[in-house]
Amino acid sequence: MTHRPVHAPQDDRPARFAKAADAALEGALAAGLNAYDRTRALARFHRLSPDSIASESPHAARAALKEIERAMRGERARRGHWSYDLNRHISLLVAHRAETARLHRLLNGG
């Protein structure tokens, strides 16, 4: 009789954790998109004038995206530092998704 080694069941906790974290993040982003207030979200960017925020031009939409992307780079640079704010990062992701969709609507006439 030969003895076969018994393999321990593969630990799938990391994969389950990653899947749950992805689902939680997507849920937070979806909730943020539902509650997105463009004027309020973009008012914190000092480089954007109220006229630029209110504009319905693709140029103004690109300017808003540029500012959001600049802020996202800054927030990523703080990752691991005590000043990093996950909620701010999520709000920037929400704003980026909303403004990207808005730019597509403006460019496609929808």
PDB file of N, CA and C in Angstrom:
ATOM      1  N   MET A   1       0.845  -1.156   0.000  1.00  0.00           N
ATOM      2  CA  MET A   1       0.000   0.000   0.000  1.00  0.00           C
ATOM      3  C   MET A   1       0.906   1.238   0.000  1.00  0.00           C
ATOM      4  N   THR A   2       0.585   2.149  -0.919  1.00  0.00           N
ATOM      5  CA  THR A   2       1.348   3.385  -0.966  1.00  0.00           C
ATOM      6  C   THR A   2       0.596   4.471  -0.218  1.00  0.00           C
ATOM      7  N   HIS A   3       1.366   5.308   0.372  1.00  0.00           N
ATOM      8  CA  HIS A   3       0.779   6.395   1.138  1.00  0.00           C
ATOM      9  C   HIS A   3       0.814   7.669   0.304  1.00  0.00           C
ATOM     10  N   ARG A   4      -0.312   8.264   0.112  1.00  0.00           N
ATOM     11  CA  ARG A   4      -0.389   9.523  -0.625  1.00  0.00           C
ATOM     12  C   ARG A   4      -0.390  10.675   0.371  1.00  0.00           C
ATOM     13  N   PRO A   5       0.376  11.701   0.039  1.00  0.00           N
ATOM     14  CA  PRO A   5       0.352  12.852   0.956  1.00  0.00           C
ATOM     15  C   PRO A   5      -1.016  13.543   0.899  1.00  0.00           C
ATOM     16  N   VAL A   6      -1.464  13.941   2.039  1.00  0.00           N
ATOM     17  CA  VAL A   6      -2.729  14.651   2.123  1.00  0.00           C
ATOM     18  C   VAL A   6      -2.427  16.145   2.032  1.00  0.00           C
ATOM     19  N   HIS A   7      -3.027  16.780   1.049  1.00  0.00           N
ATOM     20  CA  HIS A   7      -2.821  18.209   0.888  1.00  0.00           C
ATOM     21  C   HIS A   7      -3.880  18.960   1.680  1.00  0.00           C
ATOM     22  N   ALA A   8      -3.411  19.922   2.392  1.00  0.00           N
ATOM     23  CA  ALA A   8      -4.340  20.752   3.157  1.00  0.00           C
ATOM     24  C   ALA A   8      -5.192  21.545   2.174  1.00  0.00           C
ATOM     25  N   PRO A   9      -6.437  21.788   2.529  1.00  0.00           N
ATOM     26  CA  PRO A   9      -7.264  22.599   1.621  1.00  0.00           C
ATOM     27  C   PRO A   9      -6.605  23.960   1.412  1.00  0.00           C
ATOM     28  N   GLN A  10      -6.684  24.401   0.195  1.00  0.00           N
ATOM     29  CA  GLN A  10      -6.061  25.675  -0.139  1.00  0.00           C
ATOM     30  C   GLN A  10      -6.766  26.810   0.593  1.00  0.00           C
ATOM     31  N   ASP A  11      -5.994  27.687   1.173  1.00  0.00           N
ATOM     32  CA  ASP A  11      -6.540  28.808   1.922  1.00  0.00           C
ATOM     33  C   ASP A  11      -6.993  29.881   0.939  1.00  0.00           C
ATOM     34  N   ASP A  12      -8.296  30.079   0.842  1.00  0.00           N
ATOM     35  CA  ASP A  12      -8.829  31.073  -0.100  1.00  0.00           C
ATOM     36  C   ASP A  12      -9.234  32.367   0.601  1.00  0.00           C
ATOM     37  N   ARG A  13      -8.806  32.539   1.850  1.00  0.00           N
ATOM     38  CA  ARG A  13      -9.160  33.760   2.574  1.00  0.00           C
ATOM     39  C   ARG A  13      -8.655  35.030   1.891  1.00  0.00           C
ATOM     40  N   PRO A  14      -7.420  35.070   1.400  1.00  0.00           N
ATOM     41  CA  PRO A  14      -6.983  36.305   0.731  1.00  0.00           C
ATOM     42  C   PRO A  14      -7.838  36.656  -0.486  1.00  0.00           C
ATOM     43  N   ALA A  15      -8.210  35.661  -1.257  1.00  0.00           N
ATOM     44  CA  ALA A  15      -9.050  35.916  -2.430  1.00  0.00           C
ATOM     45  C   ALA A  15     -10.442  36.387  -2.010  1.00  0.00           C
ATOM     46  N   ARG A  16     -10.995  35.755  -0.969  1.00  0.00           N
ATOM     47  CA  ARG A  16     -12.311  36.183  -0.486  1.00  0.00           C
ATOM     48  C   ARG A  16     -12.254  37.590   0.083  1.00  0.00           C
ATOM     49  N   PHE A  17     -11.177  37.904   0.791  1.00  0.00           N
ATOM     50  CA  PHE A  17     -11.004  39.244   1.351  1.00  0.00           C
ATOM     51  C   PHE A  17     -10.913  40.280   0.231  1.00  0.00           C
ATOM     52  N   ALA A  18     -10.114  39.993  -0.789  1.00  0.00           N
ATOM     53  CA  ALA A  18      -9.961  40.923  -1.912  1.00  0.00           C
ATOM     54  C   ALA A  18     -11.293  41.129  -2.622  1.00  0.00           C
ATOM     55  N   LYS A  19     -12.051  40.065  -2.795  1.00  0.00           N
ATOM     56  CA  LYS A  19     -13.358  40.174  -3.456  1.00  0.00           C
ATOM     57  C   LYS A  19     -14.320  41.012  -2.614  1.00  0.00           C
ATOM     58  N   ALA A  20     -14.316  40.801  -1.312  1.00  0.00           N
ATOM     59  CA  ALA A  20     -15.188  41.581  -0.420  1.00  0.00           C
ATOM     60  C   ALA A  20     -14.764  43.052  -0.404  1.00  0.00           C
ATOM     61  N   ALA A  21     -13.457  43.307  -0.417  1.00  0.00           N
ATOM     62  CA  ALA A  21     -12.973  44.690  -0.430  1.00  0.00           C
ATOM     63  C   ALA A  21     -13.360  45.385  -1.726  1.00  0.00           C
ATOM     64  N   ASP A  22     -13.238  44.681  -2.851  1.00  0.00           N
ATOM     65  CA  ASP A  22     -13.646  45.241  -4.139  1.00  0.00           C
ATOM     66  C   ASP A  22     -15.138  45.562  -4.146  1.00  0.00           C
ATOM     67  N   ALA A  23     -15.930  44.654  -3.614  1.00  0.00           N
ATOM     68  CA  ALA A  23     -17.379  44.873  -3.573  1.00  0.00           C
ATOM     69  C   ALA A  23     -17.726  46.062  -2.677  1.00  0.00           C
ATOM     70  N   ALA A  24     -17.031  46.196  -1.552  1.00  0.00           N
ATOM     71  CA  ALA A  24     -17.282  47.326  -0.645  1.00  0.00           C
ATOM     72  C   ALA A  24     -16.910  48.644  -1.311  1.00  0.00           C
ATOM     73  N   LEU A  25     -15.779  48.670  -2.003  1.00  0.00           N
ATOM     74  CA  LEU A  25     -15.361  49.890  -2.685  1.00  0.00           C
ATOM     75  C   LEU A  25     -16.343  50.252  -3.791  1.00  0.00           C
ATOM     76  N   GLU A  26     -16.746  49.285  -4.577  1.00  0.00           N
ATOM     77  CA  GLU A  26     -17.717  49.555  -5.650  1.00  0.00           C
ATOM     78  C   GLU A  26     -19.031  50.061  -5.068  1.00  0.00           C
ATOM     79  N   GLY A  27     -19.448  49.510  -3.933  1.00  0.00           N
ATOM     80  CA  GLY A  27     -20.667  49.978  -3.276  1.00  0.00           C
ATOM     81  C   GLY A  27     -20.535  51.425  -2.810  1.00  0.00           C
ATOM     82  N   ALA A  28     -19.379  51.761  -2.244  1.00  0.00           N
ATOM     83  CA  ALA A  28     -19.145  53.135  -1.793  1.00  0.00           C
ATOM     84  C   ALA A  28     -19.119  54.094  -2.982  1.00  0.00           C
ATOM     85  N   LEU A  29     -18.501  53.674  -4.082  1.00  0.00           N
ATOM     86  CA  LEU A  29     -18.449  54.523  -5.273  1.00  0.00           C
ATOM     87  C   LEU A  29     -19.836  54.708  -5.882  1.00  0.00           C
ATOM     88  N   ALA A  30     -20.617  53.646  -5.926  1.00  0.00           N
ATOM     89  CA  ALA A  30     -21.976  53.748  -6.474  1.00  0.00           C
ATOM     90  C   ALA A  30     -22.836  54.672  -5.613  1.00  0.00           C
ATOM     91  N   ALA A  31     -22.726  54.546  -4.300  1.00  0.00           N
ATOM     92  CA  ALA A  31     -23.490  55.424  -3.405  1.00  0.00           C
ATOM     93  C   ALA A  31     -23.035  56.870  -3.569  1.00  0.00           C
ATOM     94  N   GLY A  32     -21.738  57.060  -3.721  1.00  0.00           N
ATOM     95  CA  GLY A  32     -21.217  58.408  -3.931  1.00  0.00           C
ATOM     96  C   GLY A  32     -21.699  59.016  -5.233  1.00  0.00           C
ATOM     97  N   LEU A  33     -21.756  58.214  -6.287  1.00  0.00           N
ATOM     98  CA  LEU A  33     -22.246  58.719  -7.573  1.00  0.00           C
ATOM     99  C   LEU A  33     -23.717  59.112  -7.491  1.00  0.00           C
ATOM    100  N   ASN A  34     -24.495  58.359  -6.731  1.00  0.00           N
ATOM    101  CA  ASN A  34     -25.918  58.688  -6.570  1.00  0.00           C
ATOM    102  C   ASN A  34     -26.109  60.008  -5.830  1.00  0.00           C
ATOM    103  N   ALA A  35     -25.184  60.324  -4.931  1.00  0.00           N
ATOM    104  CA  ALA A  35     -25.304  61.543  -4.127  1.00  0.00           C
ATOM    105  C   ALA A  35     -24.388  62.659  -4.623  1.00  0.00           C
ATOM    106  N   TYR A  36     -23.780  62.501  -5.780  1.00  0.00           N
ATOM    107  CA  TYR A  36     -22.780  63.454  -6.276  1.00  0.00           C
ATOM    108  C   TYR A  36     -23.403  64.817  -6.544  1.00  0.00           C
ATOM    109  N   ASP A  37     -22.841  65.833  -5.909  1.00  0.00           N
ATOM    110  CA  ASP A  37     -23.243  67.225  -6.110  1.00  0.00           C
ATOM    111  C   ASP A  37     -22.049  67.920  -6.766  1.00  0.00           C
ATOM    112  N   ARG A  38     -22.150  68.141  -8.049  1.00  0.00           N
ATOM    113  CA  ARG A  38     -21.039  68.635  -8.850  1.00  0.00           C
ATOM    114  C   ARG A  38     -20.514  69.968  -8.328  1.00  0.00           C
ATOM    115  N   THR A  39     -21.384  70.907  -8.093  1.00  0.00           N
ATOM    116  CA  THR A  39     -20.961  72.232  -7.657  1.00  0.00           C
ATOM    117  C   THR A  39     -20.208  72.152  -6.334  1.00  0.00           C
ATOM    118  N   ARG A  40     -20.730  71.393  -5.415  1.00  0.00           N
ATOM    119  CA  ARG A  40     -20.102  71.260  -4.103  1.00  0.00           C
ATOM    120  C   ARG A  40     -18.773  70.511  -4.190  1.00  0.00           C
ATOM    121  N   ALA A  41     -18.739  69.470  -5.009  1.00  0.00           N
ATOM    122  CA  ALA A  41     -17.518  68.668  -5.128  1.00  0.00           C
ATOM    123  C   ALA A  41     -16.386  69.446  -5.789  1.00  0.00           C
ATOM    124  N   LEU A  42     -16.715  70.254  -6.780  1.00  0.00           N
ATOM    125  CA  LEU A  42     -15.674  70.972  -7.515  1.00  0.00           C
ATOM    126  C   LEU A  42     -15.301  72.308  -6.880  1.00  0.00           C
ATOM    127  N   ALA A  43     -16.117  72.799  -5.954  1.00  0.00           N
ATOM    128  CA  ALA A  43     -15.848  74.093  -5.321  1.00  0.00           C
ATOM    129  C   ALA A  43     -14.552  74.079  -4.509  1.00  0.00           C
ATOM    130  N   ARG A  44     -14.118  72.915  -4.071  1.00  0.00           N
ATOM    131  CA  ARG A  44     -12.881  72.850  -3.273  1.00  0.00           C
ATOM    132  C   ARG A  44     -11.622  73.040  -4.110  1.00  0.00           C
ATOM    133  N   PHE A  45     -11.748  72.953  -5.428  1.00  0.00           N
ATOM    134  CA  PHE A  45     -10.598  73.140  -6.306  1.00  0.00           C
ATOM    135  C   PHE A  45     -10.472  74.622  -6.634  1.00  0.00           C
ATOM    136  N   HIS A  46      -9.488  75.264  -6.045  1.00  0.00           N
ATOM    137  CA  HIS A  46      -9.338  76.715  -6.148  1.00  0.00           C
ATOM    138  C   HIS A  46      -8.976  77.174  -7.552  1.00  0.00           C
ATOM    139  N   ARG A  47      -8.461  76.281  -8.364  1.00  0.00           N
ATOM    140  CA  ARG A  47      -8.096  76.653  -9.735  1.00  0.00           C
ATOM    141  C   ARG A  47      -9.315  76.693 -10.656  1.00  0.00           C
ATOM    142  N   LEU A  48     -10.445  76.178 -10.187  1.00  0.00           N
ATOM    143  CA  LEU A  48     -11.663  76.174 -11.004  1.00  0.00           C
ATOM    144  C   LEU A  48     -12.557  77.326 -10.566  1.00  0.00           C
ATOM    145  N   SER A  49     -12.874  78.186 -11.489  1.00  0.00           N
ATOM    146  CA  SER A  49     -13.764  79.305 -11.171  1.00  0.00           C
ATOM    147  C   SER A  49     -15.211  78.819 -11.158  1.00  0.00           C
ATOM    148  N   PRO A  50     -16.097  79.541 -10.496  1.00  0.00           N
ATOM    149  CA  PRO A  50     -17.518  79.174 -10.537  1.00  0.00           C
ATOM    150  C   PRO A  50     -18.056  79.139 -11.970  1.00  0.00           C
ATOM    151  N   ASP A  51     -17.565  80.040 -12.831  1.00  0.00           N
ATOM    152  CA  ASP A  51     -17.999  80.025 -14.230  1.00  0.00           C
ATOM    153  C   ASP A  51     -17.546  78.748 -14.940  1.00  0.00           C
ATOM    154  N   SER A  52     -16.340  78.319 -14.644  1.00  0.00           N
ATOM    155  CA  SER A  52     -15.821  77.091 -15.242  1.00  0.00           C
ATOM    156  C   SER A  52     -16.617  75.872 -14.759  1.00  0.00           C
ATOM    157  N   ILE A  53     -16.948  75.867 -13.486  1.00  0.00           N
ATOM    158  CA  ILE A  53     -17.731  74.755 -12.928  1.00  0.00           C
ATOM    159  C   ILE A  53     -19.118  74.705 -13.562  1.00  0.00           C
ATOM    160  N   ALA A  54     -19.722  75.856 -13.791  1.00  0.00           N
ATOM    161  CA  ALA A  54     -21.074  75.915 -14.353  1.00  0.00           C
ATOM    162  C   ALA A  54     -21.102  75.713 -15.864  1.00  0.00           C
ATOM    163  N   SER A  55     -19.953  75.815 -16.506  1.00  0.00           N
ATOM    164  CA  SER A  55     -19.890  75.730 -17.967  1.00  0.00           C
ATOM    165  C   SER A  55     -20.275  74.345 -18.475  1.00  0.00           C
ATOM    166  N   GLU A  56     -20.891  74.333 -19.621  1.00  0.00           N
ATOM    167  CA  GLU A  56     -21.284  73.078 -20.266  1.00  0.00           C
ATOM    168  C   GLU A  56     -20.386  72.760 -21.460  1.00  0.00           C
ATOM    169  N   SER A  57     -19.166  73.254 -21.427  1.00  0.00           N
ATOM    170  CA  SER A  57     -18.250  73.018 -22.547  1.00  0.00           C
ATOM    171  C   SER A  57     -17.315  71.848 -22.245  1.00  0.00           C
ATOM    172  N   PRO A  58     -16.911  71.120 -23.274  1.00  0.00           N
ATOM    173  CA  PRO A  58     -15.928  70.049 -23.068  1.00  0.00           C
ATOM    174  C   PRO A  58     -14.609  70.575 -22.506  1.00  0.00           C
ATOM    175  N   HIS A  59     -14.235  71.803 -22.888  1.00  0.00           N
ATOM    176  CA  HIS A  59     -12.991  72.388 -22.372  1.00  0.00           C
ATOM    177  C   HIS A  59     -13.053  72.531 -20.851  1.00  0.00           C
ATOM    178  N   ALA A  60     -14.162  73.012 -20.324  1.00  0.00           N
ATOM    179  CA  ALA A  60     -14.320  73.167 -18.877  1.00  0.00           C
ATOM    180  C   ALA A  60     -14.366  71.797 -18.191  1.00  0.00           C
ATOM    181  N   ALA A  61     -14.985  70.819 -18.839  1.00  0.00           N
ATOM    182  CA  ALA A  61     -15.044  69.473 -18.266  1.00  0.00           C
ATOM    183  C   ALA A  61     -13.645  68.866 -18.192  1.00  0.00           C
ATOM    184  N   ARG A  62     -12.843  69.094 -19.226  1.00  0.00           N
ATOM    185  CA  ARG A  62     -11.463  68.601 -19.203  1.00  0.00           C
ATOM    186  C   ARG A  62     -10.654  69.292 -18.101  1.00  0.00           C
ATOM    187  N   ALA A  63     -10.884  70.580 -17.905  1.00  0.00           N
ATOM    188  CA  ALA A  63     -10.182  71.312 -16.847  1.00  0.00           C
ATOM    189  C   ALA A  63     -10.537  70.748 -15.476  1.00  0.00           C
ATOM    190  N   ALA A  64     -11.797  70.416 -15.273  1.00  0.00           N
ATOM    191  CA  ALA A  64     -12.222  69.826 -14.000  1.00  0.00           C
ATOM    192  C   ALA A  64     -11.548  68.471 -13.798  1.00  0.00           C
ATOM    193  N   LEU A  65     -11.518  67.648 -14.840  1.00  0.00           N
ATOM    194  CA  LEU A  65     -10.862  66.342 -14.741  1.00  0.00           C
ATOM    195  C   LEU A  65      -9.375  66.498 -14.446  1.00  0.00           C
ATOM    196  N   LYS A  66      -8.745  67.470 -15.052  1.00  0.00           N
ATOM    197  CA  LYS A  66      -7.322  67.706 -14.818  1.00  0.00           C
ATOM    198  C   LYS A  66      -7.070  68.033 -13.341  1.00  0.00           C
ATOM    199  N   GLU A  67      -7.914  68.860 -12.752  1.00  0.00           N
ATOM    200  CA  GLU A  67      -7.758  69.213 -11.331  1.00  0.00           C
ATOM    201  C   GLU A  67      -8.011  68.004 -10.425  1.00  0.00           C
ATOM    202  N   ILE A  68      -9.014  67.216 -10.771  1.00  0.00           N
ATOM    203  CA  ILE A  68      -9.308  66.020  -9.970  1.00  0.00           C
ATOM    204  C   ILE A  68      -8.130  65.051 -10.046  1.00  0.00           C
ATOM    205  N   GLU A  69      -7.581  64.854 -11.234  1.00  0.00           N
ATOM    206  CA  GLU A  69      -6.446  63.945 -11.393  1.00  0.00           C
ATOM    207  C   GLU A  69      -5.221  64.451 -10.633  1.00  0.00           C
ATOM    208  N   ARG A  70      -5.010  65.764 -10.616  1.00  0.00           N
ATOM    209  CA  ARG A  70      -3.905  66.336  -9.862  1.00  0.00           C
ATOM    210  C   ARG A  70      -4.086  66.058  -8.361  1.00  0.00           C
ATOM    211  N   ALA A  71      -5.307  66.232  -7.881  1.00  0.00           N
ATOM    212  CA  ALA A  71      -5.594  65.964  -6.464  1.00  0.00           C
ATOM    213  C   ALA A  71      -5.444  64.477  -6.138  1.00  0.00           C
ATOM    214  N   MET A  72      -5.828  63.612  -7.083  1.00  0.00           N
ATOM    215  CA  MET A  72      -5.686  62.168  -6.864  1.00  0.00           C
ATOM    216  C   MET A  72      -4.207  61.777  -6.764  1.00  0.00           C
ATOM    217  N   ARG A  73      -3.365  62.377  -7.596  1.00  0.00           N
ATOM    218  CA  ARG A  73      -1.929  62.094  -7.507  1.00  0.00           C
ATOM    219  C   ARG A  73      -1.390  62.512  -6.136  1.00  0.00           C
ATOM    220  N   GLY A  74      -1.827  63.669  -5.666  1.00  0.00           N
ATOM    221  CA  GLY A  74      -1.403  64.130  -4.347  1.00  0.00           C
ATOM    222  C   GLY A  74      -1.877  63.208  -3.237  1.00  0.00           C
ATOM    223  N   GLU A  75      -3.093  62.731  -3.360  1.00  0.00           N
ATOM    224  CA  GLU A  75      -3.632  61.835  -2.331  1.00  0.00           C
ATOM    225  C   GLU A  75      -2.897  60.495  -2.355  1.00  0.00           C
ATOM    226  N   ARG A  76      -2.609  59.983  -3.541  1.00  0.00           N
ATOM    227  CA  ARG A  76      -1.854  58.730  -3.636  1.00  0.00           C
ATOM    228  C   ARG A  76      -0.456  58.873  -3.034  1.00  0.00           C
ATOM    229  N   ALA A  77       0.139  60.048  -3.201  1.00  0.00           N
ATOM    230  CA  ALA A  77       1.479  60.276  -2.657  1.00  0.00           C
ATOM    231  C   ALA A  77       1.468  60.232  -1.128  1.00  0.00           C
ATOM    232  N   ARG A  78       0.321  60.509  -0.515  1.00  0.00           N
ATOM    233  CA  ARG A  78       0.206  60.486   0.949  1.00  0.00           C
ATOM    234  C   ARG A  78      -0.130  59.096   1.487  1.00  0.00           C
ATOM    235  N   ARG A  79      -0.382  58.142   0.616  1.00  0.00           N
ATOM    236  CA  ARG A  79      -0.743  56.792   1.069  1.00  0.00           C
ATOM    237  C   ARG A  79       0.309  56.272   2.046  1.00  0.00           C
ATOM    238  N   GLY A  80      -0.135  55.764   3.170  1.00  0.00           N
ATOM    239  CA  GLY A  80       0.768  55.265   4.195  1.00  0.00           C
ATOM    240  C   GLY A  80       1.178  56.332   5.201  1.00  0.00           C
ATOM    241  N   HIS A  81       0.912  57.580   4.900  1.00  0.00           N
ATOM    242  CA  HIS A  81       1.229  58.679   5.817  1.00  0.00           C
ATOM    243  C   HIS A  81       0.006  58.953   6.678  1.00  0.00           C
ATOM    244  N   TRP A  82       0.218  59.521   7.851  1.00  0.00           N
ATOM    245  CA  TRP A  82      -0.906  59.763   8.762  1.00  0.00           C
ATOM    246  C   TRP A  82      -1.925  60.735   8.178  1.00  0.00           C
ATOM    247  N   SER A  83      -1.509  61.576   7.214  1.00  0.00           N
ATOM    248  CA  SER A  83      -2.436  62.559   6.653  1.00  0.00           C
ATOM    249  C   SER A  83      -3.299  61.999   5.518  1.00  0.00           C
ATOM    250  N   TYR A  84      -3.031  60.743   5.119  1.00  0.00           N
ATOM    251  CA  TYR A  84      -3.841  60.128   4.061  1.00  0.00           C
ATOM    252  C   TYR A  84      -5.271  59.967   4.545  1.00  0.00           C
ATOM    253  N   ASP A  85      -6.220  60.300   3.676  1.00  0.00           N
ATOM    254  CA  ASP A  85      -7.634  60.227   4.026  1.00  0.00           C
ATOM    255  C   ASP A  85      -8.359  59.363   2.993  1.00  0.00           C
ATOM    256  N   LEU A  86      -8.733  58.162   3.391  1.00  0.00           N
ATOM    257  CA  LEU A  86      -9.405  57.240   2.480  1.00  0.00           C
ATOM    258  C   LEU A  86     -10.714  57.825   1.969  1.00  0.00           C
ATOM    259  N   ASN A  87     -11.457  58.511   2.832  1.00  0.00           N
ATOM    260  CA  ASN A  87     -12.727  59.103   2.401  1.00  0.00           C
ATOM    261  C   ASN A  87     -12.503  60.167   1.329  1.00  0.00           C
ATOM    262  N   ARG A  88     -11.450  60.956   1.471  1.00  0.00           N
ATOM    263  CA  ARG A  88     -11.139  61.952   0.448  1.00  0.00           C
ATOM    264  C   ARG A  88     -10.774  61.261  -0.860  1.00  0.00           C
ATOM    265  N   HIS A  89     -10.000  60.194  -0.774  1.00  0.00           N
ATOM    266  CA  HIS A  89      -9.609  59.461  -1.973  1.00  0.00           C
ATOM    267  C   HIS A  89     -10.851  58.899  -2.680  1.00  0.00           C
ATOM    268  N   ILE A  90     -11.764  58.342  -1.919  1.00  0.00           N
ATOM    269  CA  ILE A  90     -13.000  57.809  -2.498  1.00  0.00           C
ATOM    270  C   ILE A  90     -13.822  58.937  -3.121  1.00  0.00           C
ATOM    271  N   SER A  91     -13.900  60.089  -2.458  1.00  0.00           N
ATOM    272  CA  SER A  91     -14.669  61.205  -3.029  1.00  0.00           C
ATOM    273  C   SER A  91     -14.020  61.696  -4.317  1.00  0.00           C
ATOM    274  N   LEU A  92     -12.704  61.648  -4.401  1.00  0.00           N
ATOM    275  CA  LEU A  92     -12.032  62.023  -5.649  1.00  0.00           C
ATOM    276  C   LEU A  92     -12.319  61.007  -6.753  1.00  0.00           C
ATOM    277  N   LEU A  93     -12.349  59.726  -6.393  1.00  0.00           N
ATOM    278  CA  LEU A  93     -12.703  58.694  -7.388  1.00  0.00           C
ATOM    279  C   LEU A  93     -14.128  58.887  -7.895  1.00  0.00           C
ATOM    280  N   VAL A  94     -15.036  59.211  -6.992  1.00  0.00           N
ATOM    281  CA  VAL A  94     -16.431  59.466  -7.371  1.00  0.00           C
ATOM    282  C   VAL A  94     -16.493  60.658  -8.320  1.00  0.00           C
ATOM    283  N   ALA A  95     -15.825  61.737  -7.954  1.00  0.00           N
ATOM    284  CA  ALA A  95     -15.825  62.933  -8.799  1.00  0.00           C
ATOM    285  C   ALA A  95     -15.220  62.627 -10.163  1.00  0.00           C
ATOM    286  N   HIS A  96     -14.154  61.852 -10.191  1.00  0.00           N
ATOM    287  CA  HIS A  96     -13.511  61.512 -11.468  1.00  0.00           C
ATOM    288  C   HIS A  96     -14.459  60.708 -12.352  1.00  0.00           C
ATOM    289  N   ARG A  97     -15.117  59.715 -11.765  1.00  0.00           N
ATOM    290  CA  ARG A  97     -16.068  58.918 -12.562  1.00  0.00           C
ATOM    291  C   ARG A  97     -17.223  59.774 -13.079  1.00  0.00           C
ATOM    292  N   ALA A  98     -17.753  60.631 -12.222  1.00  0.00           N
ATOM    293  CA  ALA A  98     -18.885  61.475 -12.619  1.00  0.00           C
ATOM    294  C   ALA A  98     -18.471  62.465 -13.698  1.00  0.00           C
ATOM    295  N   GLU A  99     -17.314  63.075 -13.553  1.00  0.00           N
ATOM    296  CA  GLU A  99     -16.871  64.069 -14.523  1.00  0.00           C
ATOM    297  C   GLU A  99     -16.438  63.420 -15.841  1.00  0.00           C
ATOM    298  N   THR A 100     -15.904  62.211 -15.778  1.00  0.00           N
ATOM    299  CA  THR A 100     -15.575  61.480 -17.007  1.00  0.00           C
ATOM    300  C   THR A 100     -16.848  61.169 -17.778  1.00  0.00           C
ATOM    301  N   ALA A 101     -17.877  60.711 -17.080  1.00  0.00           N
ATOM    302  CA  ALA A 101     -19.164  60.426 -17.730  1.00  0.00           C
ATOM    303  C   ALA A 101     -19.760  61.710 -18.302  1.00  0.00           C
ATOM    304  N   ARG A 102     -19.634  62.808 -17.581  1.00  0.00           N
ATOM    305  CA  ARG A 102     -20.151  64.102 -18.060  1.00  0.00           C
ATOM    306  C   ARG A 102     -19.421  64.534 -19.326  1.00  0.00           C
ATOM    307  N   LEU A 103     -18.103  64.379 -19.358  1.00  0.00           N
ATOM    308  CA  LEU A 103     -17.338  64.744 -20.555  1.00  0.00           C
ATOM    309  C   LEU A 103     -17.782  63.905 -21.743  1.00  0.00           C
ATOM    310  N   HIS A 104     -17.992  62.617 -21.528  1.00  0.00           N
ATOM    311  CA  HIS A 104     -18.456  61.749 -22.627  1.00  0.00           C
ATOM    312  C   HIS A 104     -19.836  62.205 -23.133  1.00  0.00           C
ATOM    313  N   ARG A 105     -20.712  62.585 -22.200  1.00  0.00           N
ATOM    314  CA  ARG A 105     -22.032  63.079 -22.607  1.00  0.00           C
ATOM    315  C   ARG A 105     -21.909  64.365 -23.419  1.00  0.00           C
ATOM    316  N   LEU A 106     -21.024  65.269 -22.981  1.00  0.00           N
ATOM    317  CA  LEU A 106     -20.841  66.542 -23.696  1.00  0.00           C
ATOM    318  C   LEU A 106     -20.257  66.298 -25.095  1.00  0.00           C
ATOM    319  N   LEU A 107     -19.323  65.376 -25.194  1.00  0.00           N
ATOM    320  CA  LEU A 107     -18.694  65.111 -26.494  1.00  0.00           C
ATOM    321  C   LEU A 107     -19.621  64.367 -27.433  1.00  0.00           C
ATOM    322  N   ASN A 108     -20.497  63.534 -26.902  1.00  0.00           N
ATOM    323  CA  ASN A 108     -21.384  62.729 -27.737  1.00  0.00           C
ATOM    324  C   ASN A 108     -22.767  63.354 -27.894  1.00  0.00           C
ATOM    325  N   GLY A 109     -22.951  64.539 -27.353  1.00  0.00           N
ATOM    326  CA  GLY A 109     -24.222  65.249 -27.506  1.00  0.00           C
ATOM    327  C   GLY A 109     -25.382  64.597 -26.770  1.00  0.00           C
ATOM    328  N   GLY A 110     -25.091  63.834 -25.729  1.00  0.00           N
ATOM    329  CA  GLY A 110     -26.152  63.129 -25.005  1.00  0.00           C
ATOM    330  C   GLY A 110     -26.417  63.727 -23.736  1.00  0.00           C
TER     331      GLY A 110
END
